[in-house]
Each structure stands twice: as C-alpha cells, then as structure tokens.
C-alpha atoms as a PDB file:
ATOM      1  CA  UNK A   1     182.645  -3.133 -82.303  1.00  0.00           C
ATOM      2  CA  UNK A   2     182.397   0.234 -81.462  1.00  0.00           C
ATOM      3  CA  UNK A   3     179.239   2.633 -82.226  1.00  0.00           C
ATOM      4  CA  UNK A   4     180.429   6.570 -82.195  1.00  0.00           C
ATOM      5  CA  UNK A   5     178.413   9.532 -82.472  1.00  0.00           C
ATOM      6  CA  UNK A   6     179.263  13.557 -82.114  1.00  0.00           C
ATOM      7  CA  UNK A   7     177.051  15.333 -79.754  1.00  0.00           C
ATOM      8  CA  UNK A   8     177.543  19.024 -79.744  1.00  0.00           C
ATOM      9  CA  UNK A   9     178.956  19.262 -75.258  1.00  0.00           C
ATOM     10  CA  UNK A  10     178.619  17.476 -72.542  1.00  0.00           C
ATOM     11  CA  UNK A  11     181.879  15.676 -72.802  1.00  0.00           C
ATOM     12  CA  UNK A  12     182.420  11.814 -73.417  1.00  0.00           C
ATOM     13  CA  UNK A  13     179.970   9.079 -72.473  1.00  0.00           C
ATOM     14  CA  UNK A  14     180.390   5.246 -72.404  1.00  0.00           C
ATOM     15  CA  UNK A  15     177.945   2.250 -73.044  1.00  0.00           C
ATOM     16  CA  UNK A  16     178.871  -0.980 -72.829  1.00  0.00           C
ATOM     17  CA  UNK A  17     176.581  -4.335 -74.255  1.00  0.00           C
ATOM     18  CA  UNK A  18     177.134  -7.895 -73.658  1.00  0.00           C
ATOM     19  CA  UNK A  19     175.171  -9.956 -76.328  1.00  0.00           C
ATOM     20  CA  UNK A  20     173.690 -13.405 -74.877  1.00  0.00           C
ATOM     21  CA  UNK A  21     176.148 -15.140 -76.759  1.00  0.00           C
ATOM     22  CA  UNK A  22     178.995 -13.939 -75.108  1.00  0.00           C
ATOM     23  CA  UNK A  23     177.832 -16.264 -71.903  1.00  0.00           C
ATOM     24  CA  UNK A  24     175.305 -16.520 -68.602  1.00  0.00           C
ATOM     25  CA  UNK A  25     175.760 -13.780 -66.700  1.00  0.00           C
ATOM     26  CA  UNK A  26     178.702 -13.854 -64.631  1.00  0.00           C
ATOM     27  CA  UNK A  27     181.214 -13.701 -67.761  1.00  0.00           C
ATOM     28  CA  UNK A  28     178.928 -11.368 -69.309  1.00  0.00           C
ATOM     29  CA  UNK A  29     179.758  -9.209 -66.376  1.00  0.00           C
ATOM     30  CA  UNK A  30     183.026  -9.865 -66.256  1.00  0.00           C
ATOM     31  CA  UNK A  31     183.593  -8.791 -69.476  1.00  0.00           C
ATOM     32  CA  UNK A  32     181.609  -5.206 -68.949  1.00  0.00           C
ATOM     33  CA  UNK A  33     184.202  -4.677 -65.872  1.00  0.00           C
ATOM     34  CA  UNK A  34     187.234  -5.411 -67.871  1.00  0.00           C
ATOM     35  CA  UNK A  35     185.728  -3.070 -70.670  1.00  0.00           C
ATOM     36  CA  UNK A  36     184.437  -0.436 -68.132  1.00  0.00           C
ATOM     37  CA  UNK A  37     188.258  -0.461 -66.426  1.00  0.00           C
ATOM     38  CA  UNK A  38     189.822   0.286 -69.847  1.00  0.00           C
ATOM     39  CA  UNK A  39     187.703   3.425 -70.916  1.00  0.00           C
ATOM     40  CA  UNK A  40     188.567   4.621 -66.920  1.00  0.00           C
ATOM     41  CA  UNK A  41     192.263   4.426 -68.084  1.00  0.00           C
ATOM     42  CA  UNK A  42     192.252   5.461 -71.214  1.00  0.00           C
ATOM     43  CA  UNK A  43     189.202   8.774 -70.424  1.00  0.00           C
ATOM     44  CA  UNK A  44     191.652  11.063 -71.120  1.00  0.00           C
ATOM     45  CA  UNK A  45     193.300  10.049 -74.092  1.00  0.00           C
ATOM     46  CA  UNK A  46     190.097  10.902 -75.370  1.00  0.00           C
ATOM     47  CA  UNK A  47     189.287  13.936 -77.608  1.00  0.00           C
ATOM     48  CA  UNK A  48     185.493  15.135 -77.878  1.00  0.00           C
ATOM     49  CA  UNK A  49     182.199  15.528 -77.334  1.00  0.00           C
ATOM     50  CA  UNK A  50     180.820  11.805 -78.163  1.00  0.00           C
ATOM     51  CA  UNK A  51     178.523   8.934 -77.084  1.00  0.00           C
ATOM     52  CA  UNK A  52     180.437   5.842 -76.958  1.00  0.00           C
ATOM     53  CA  UNK A  53     178.335   2.076 -77.709  1.00  0.00           C
ATOM     54  CA  UNK A  54     180.394  -0.591 -77.210  1.00  0.00           C
ATOM     55  CA  UNK A  55     179.753  -4.713 -77.654  1.00  0.00           C
ATOM     56  CA  UNK A  56     181.460  -7.506 -76.543  1.00  0.00           C
ATOM     57  CA  UNK A  57     181.438  -9.842 -79.218  1.00  0.00           C
ATOM     58  CA  UNK A  58     180.800 -14.157 -78.277  1.00  0.00           C
ATOM     59  CA  UNK A  59     185.041 -14.067 -78.961  1.00  0.00           C
ATOM     60  CA  UNK A  60     185.244 -11.574 -75.863  1.00  0.00           C
ATOM     61  CA  UNK A  61     185.129 -13.605 -73.430  1.00  0.00           C
ATOM     62  CA  UNK A  62     188.547 -15.147 -72.441  1.00  0.00           C
ATOM     63  CA  UNK A  63     190.733 -12.413 -73.710  1.00  0.00           C
ATOM     64  CA  UNK A  64     193.747 -10.935 -71.377  1.00  0.00           C
ATOM     65  CA  UNK A  65     193.069  -7.391 -70.592  1.00  0.00           C
ATOM     66  CA  UNK A  66     196.607  -6.169 -72.536  1.00  0.00           C
ATOM     67  CA  UNK A  67     194.626  -7.046 -75.608  1.00  0.00           C
ATOM     68  CA  UNK A  68     191.562  -5.916 -75.184  1.00  0.00           C
ATOM     69  CA  UNK A  69     192.692  -2.947 -73.944  1.00  0.00           C
ATOM     70  CA  UNK A  70     195.471  -3.044 -77.279  1.00  0.00           C
ATOM     71  CA  UNK A  71     192.404  -3.703 -79.150  1.00  0.00           C
ATOM     72  CA  UNK A  72     190.112  -0.433 -77.740  1.00  0.00           C
ATOM     73  CA  UNK A  73     193.068   1.735 -78.345  1.00  0.00           C
ATOM     74  CA  UNK A  74     193.216   0.702 -82.104  1.00  0.00           C
ATOM     75  CA  UNK A  75     190.134   0.827 -82.594  1.00  0.00           C
ATOM     76  CA  UNK A  76     189.889   4.883 -81.052  1.00  0.00           C
ATOM     77  CA  UNK A  77     192.526   5.954 -83.318  1.00  0.00           C
ATOM     78  CA  UNK A  78     191.245   4.111 -86.274  1.00  0.00           C
ATOM     79  CA  UNK A  79     188.209   7.282 -85.564  1.00  0.00           C
ATOM     80  CA  UNK A  80     191.074   9.296 -85.078  1.00  0.00           C
ATOM     81  CA  UNK A  81     189.966  10.142 -81.621  1.00  0.00           C
END
C-alpha cells in the first residue's frame, strides 16, 4: 500500500513502514531493506515533488525482489507518476 501526497518543491521523499504482523524485527527490517533498495533503484523514474509512505502488509514476507519491484512500478504507473 502506498500513500502519496503532492508538495510544492523539494523532490520526492519516501517513508517505509512495516507492521508487527509482518514478523519479528529481523523479518520487518529485511522487508524494509528490500523496499528501500527498490525505491533507490527506481528513484530516477519517478518524477515530481511528492511524499510517499509505503506500508508493507503481513503477506509481503517471502516475496522475491523482482515481484516487489514489479508491483511497486505498477502502483506508480497506476498513480500516474
């Protein structure tokens, strides 16, 4: 799930949140690292000045990075970014 808020200037900012339902701290941190890597890889493809909050749901653990990246880019395309 991604929340997007447009802002006047300053470039894009990203925040990553994982619930305790994802798992213990090790699993949550791994998911956050995967999402941050996808964001860093895709940062140049996302234009505009927006704030993004990426919320990882409980079923995300165990999904490979390629699927996560595909889903992230699909969400960005759906949001017309």
